[in-house]
Every structure is written in C-alpha cells, then in structure tokens.
Amino acid sequence: MKPAGKENSLTREESEFANRVKERFENQEKAVYKTFINEWKLYGEGYKSKHDLYCDIALLFGDYQDFLMELAAFLKDGYRTNVSAV
C-alpha cells in the first residue's frame, strides 16, 4: 500500500539527505542508518504516518538536530517523499 502519487525514484534532495545520514553513521553506528532507512521505507509504503515517522526518527537521531530539521522539511504537506529506491 503506497501513498498516492509516489514514484519509484528519489529526488536529488532525498538521495543527498540519505547519503548524509549514511556518512554520519556508517563508521560508528551502522544500525542507526539501517533503522532510518527501514523507518523511511515503512512511511513510503504507507505503513507509518508522518507523525509516527518523525517521532521514531527523533528518538533515533537524538542530538542530531540538523537531520531532524531536514526530515521535517521532507515531511511537510505537499512534499513528495519516496524511499522505494533507497
């Protein structure tokens, strides 16, 4: 079950954001990146609301406010978020 209007490719901004998250966590906390991708996929497939996604990722990212602000921008109404290609 995918939200209406979702495509199968990431925008440049989405891809860059996912890559920044990966770079920050890949050496020390690989599980954080993997969990982030899994949570984002659940949202993209319609299994998780924007609110639930943000709350779960906020706990995951902890003090990384830069990522939380960027995630909030992706979740604004009208922004196309698709993670099926991540």
C-alpha atoms as a PDB file:
ATOM      1  CA  MET A   1       0.000   0.000   0.000  1.00  0.00           C
ATOM      2  CA  LYS A   2       1.772   3.110  -1.278  1.00  0.00           C
ATOM      3  CA  PRO A   3       0.604   6.684  -0.819  1.00  0.00           C
ATOM      4  CA  ALA A   4      -0.916   8.116  -3.978  1.00  0.00           C
ATOM      5  CA  GLY A   5       1.468   9.886  -6.318  1.00  0.00           C
ATOM      6  CA  LYS A   6       4.608   8.081  -5.183  1.00  0.00           C
ATOM      7  CA  GLU A   7       7.180   7.303  -7.844  1.00  0.00           C
ATOM      8  CA  ASN A   8       9.986   4.754  -7.767  1.00  0.00           C
ATOM      9  CA  SER A   9      12.934   7.138  -7.757  1.00  0.00           C
ATOM     10  CA  LEU A  10      14.416   9.506  -5.235  1.00  0.00           C
ATOM     11  CA  THR A  11      14.718  13.189  -5.848  1.00  0.00           C
ATOM     12  CA  ARG A  12      18.219  14.621  -5.709  1.00  0.00           C
ATOM     13  CA  GLU A  13      17.440  16.159  -2.309  1.00  0.00           C
ATOM     14  CA  GLU A  14      16.161  12.875  -0.885  1.00  0.00           C
ATOM     15  CA  SER A  15      19.184  10.983  -2.138  1.00  0.00           C
ATOM     16  CA  GLU A  16      21.597  13.583  -0.764  1.00  0.00           C
ATOM     17  CA  PHE A  17      19.851  13.539   2.619  1.00  0.00           C
ATOM     18  CA  ALA A  18      20.008   9.733   2.827  1.00  0.00           C
ATOM     19  CA  ASN A  19      23.698   9.836   1.865  1.00  0.00           C
ATOM     20  CA  ARG A  20      24.483  12.422   4.568  1.00  0.00           C
ATOM     21  CA  VAL A  21      22.773  10.245   7.166  1.00  0.00           C
ATOM     22  CA  LYS A  22      24.733   7.221   5.947  1.00  0.00           C
ATOM     23  CA  GLU A  23      28.051   9.102   6.024  1.00  0.00           C
ATOM     24  CA  ARG A  24      27.462  10.366   9.550  1.00  0.00           C
ATOM     25  CA  PHE A  25      26.570   6.975  10.992  1.00  0.00           C
ATOM     26  CA  GLU A  26      28.265   4.379   8.767  1.00  0.00           C
ATOM     27  CA  ASN A  27      31.505   4.023  10.747  1.00  0.00           C
ATOM     28  CA  GLN A  28      30.230   4.125  14.318  1.00  0.00           C
ATOM     29  CA  GLU A  29      26.532   3.400  14.317  1.00  0.00           C
ATOM     30  CA  LYS A  30      25.543   1.440  11.210  1.00  0.00           C
ATOM     31  CA  ALA A  31      22.367   0.278  12.956  1.00  0.00           C
ATOM     32  CA  VAL A  32      21.168   3.898  13.121  1.00  0.00           C
ATOM     33  CA  TYR A  33      21.362   4.264   9.341  1.00  0.00           C
ATOM     34  CA  LYS A  34      19.723   0.899   8.714  1.00  0.00           C
ATOM     35  CA  THR A  35      16.904   1.726  11.120  1.00  0.00           C
ATOM     36  CA  PHE A  36      16.465   5.149   9.490  1.00  0.00           C
ATOM     37  CA  ILE A  37      16.112   3.563   6.042  1.00  0.00           C
ATOM     38  CA  ASN A  38      13.695   0.938   7.342  1.00  0.00           C
ATOM     39  CA  GLU A  39      11.510   3.547   9.068  1.00  0.00           C
ATOM     40  CA  TRP A  40      11.518   5.770   5.956  1.00  0.00           C
ATOM     41  CA  LYS A  41      10.514   2.798   3.793  1.00  0.00           C
ATOM     42  CA  LEU A  42       7.624   1.985   6.132  1.00  0.00           C
ATOM     43  CA  TYR A  43       6.435   5.568   5.749  1.00  0.00           C
ATOM     44  CA  GLY A  44       6.881   5.492   1.979  1.00  0.00           C
ATOM     45  CA  GLU A  45       4.860   2.279   1.751  1.00  0.00           C
ATOM     46  CA  GLY A  46       2.029   3.807   3.784  1.00  0.00           C
ATOM     47  CA  TYR A  47       2.555   1.794   6.967  1.00  0.00           C
ATOM     48  CA  LYS A  48       3.641   4.754   9.081  1.00  0.00           C
ATOM     49  CA  SER A  49       2.201   8.249   9.423  1.00  0.00           C
ATOM     50  CA  LYS A  50       4.317  11.394   9.084  1.00  0.00           C
ATOM     51  CA  HIS A  51       3.915  11.996  12.814  1.00  0.00           C
ATOM     52  CA  ASP A  52       4.980   8.470  13.759  1.00  0.00           C
ATOM     53  CA  LEU A  53       7.926   8.586  11.376  1.00  0.00           C
ATOM     54  CA  TYR A  54       9.142  11.890  12.791  1.00  0.00           C
ATOM     55  CA  CYS A  55       8.770  10.720  16.406  1.00  0.00           C
ATOM     56  CA  ASP A  56      10.636   7.471  15.748  1.00  0.00           C
ATOM     57  CA  ILE A  57      13.430   9.196  13.833  1.00  0.00           C
ATOM     58  CA  ALA A  58      13.708  11.911  16.505  1.00  0.00           C
ATOM     59  CA  LEU A  59      14.458   9.201  19.065  1.00  0.00           C
ATOM     60  CA  LEU A  60      16.896   7.556  16.689  1.00  0.00           C
ATOM     61  CA  PHE A  61      18.835  10.715  15.782  1.00  0.00           C
ATOM     62  CA  GLY A  62      18.874  12.123  19.314  1.00  0.00           C
ATOM     63  CA  ASP A  63      21.031  15.238  19.306  1.00  0.00           C
ATOM     64  CA  TYR A  64      21.414  15.487  15.522  1.00  0.00           C
ATOM     65  CA  GLN A  65      19.065  18.443  15.160  1.00  0.00           C
ATOM     66  CA  ASP A  66      20.320  19.239  11.655  1.00  0.00           C
ATOM     67  CA  PHE A  67      18.930  15.939  10.402  1.00  0.00           C
ATOM     68  CA  LEU A  68      15.653  16.410  12.263  1.00  0.00           C
ATOM     69  CA  MET A  69      15.134  19.829  10.700  1.00  0.00           C
ATOM     70  CA  GLU A  70      15.836  18.412   7.259  1.00  0.00           C
ATOM     71  CA  LEU A  71      13.488  15.486   7.856  1.00  0.00           C
ATOM     72  CA  ALA A  72      10.744  17.890   8.926  1.00  0.00           C
ATOM     73  CA  ALA A  73      11.153  19.723   5.613  1.00  0.00           C
ATOM     74  CA  PHE A  74      10.677  16.452   3.709  1.00  0.00           C
ATOM     75  CA  LEU A  75       7.542  15.667   5.690  1.00  0.00           C
ATOM     76  CA  LYS A  76       5.788  18.979   5.069  1.00  0.00           C
ATOM     77  CA  ASP A  77       2.444  18.579   3.355  1.00  0.00           C
ATOM     78  CA  GLY A  78       2.816  18.510  -0.393  1.00  0.00           C
ATOM     79  CA  TYR A  79       6.425  17.323  -0.438  1.00  0.00           C
ATOM     80  CA  ARG A  80       6.871  14.111  -2.404  1.00  0.00           C
ATOM     81  CA  THR A  81       8.744  11.564  -0.327  1.00  0.00           C
ATOM     82  CA  ASN A  82       9.566   8.237  -1.888  1.00  0.00           C
ATOM     83  CA  VAL A  83      12.056   5.810  -0.494  1.00  0.00           C
ATOM     84  CA  SER A  84      11.448   2.736  -2.579  1.00  0.00           C
ATOM     85  CA  ALA A  85      14.730   3.346  -4.414  1.00  0.00           C
ATOM     86  CA  VAL A  86      16.875   3.737  -1.283  1.00  0.00           C
END
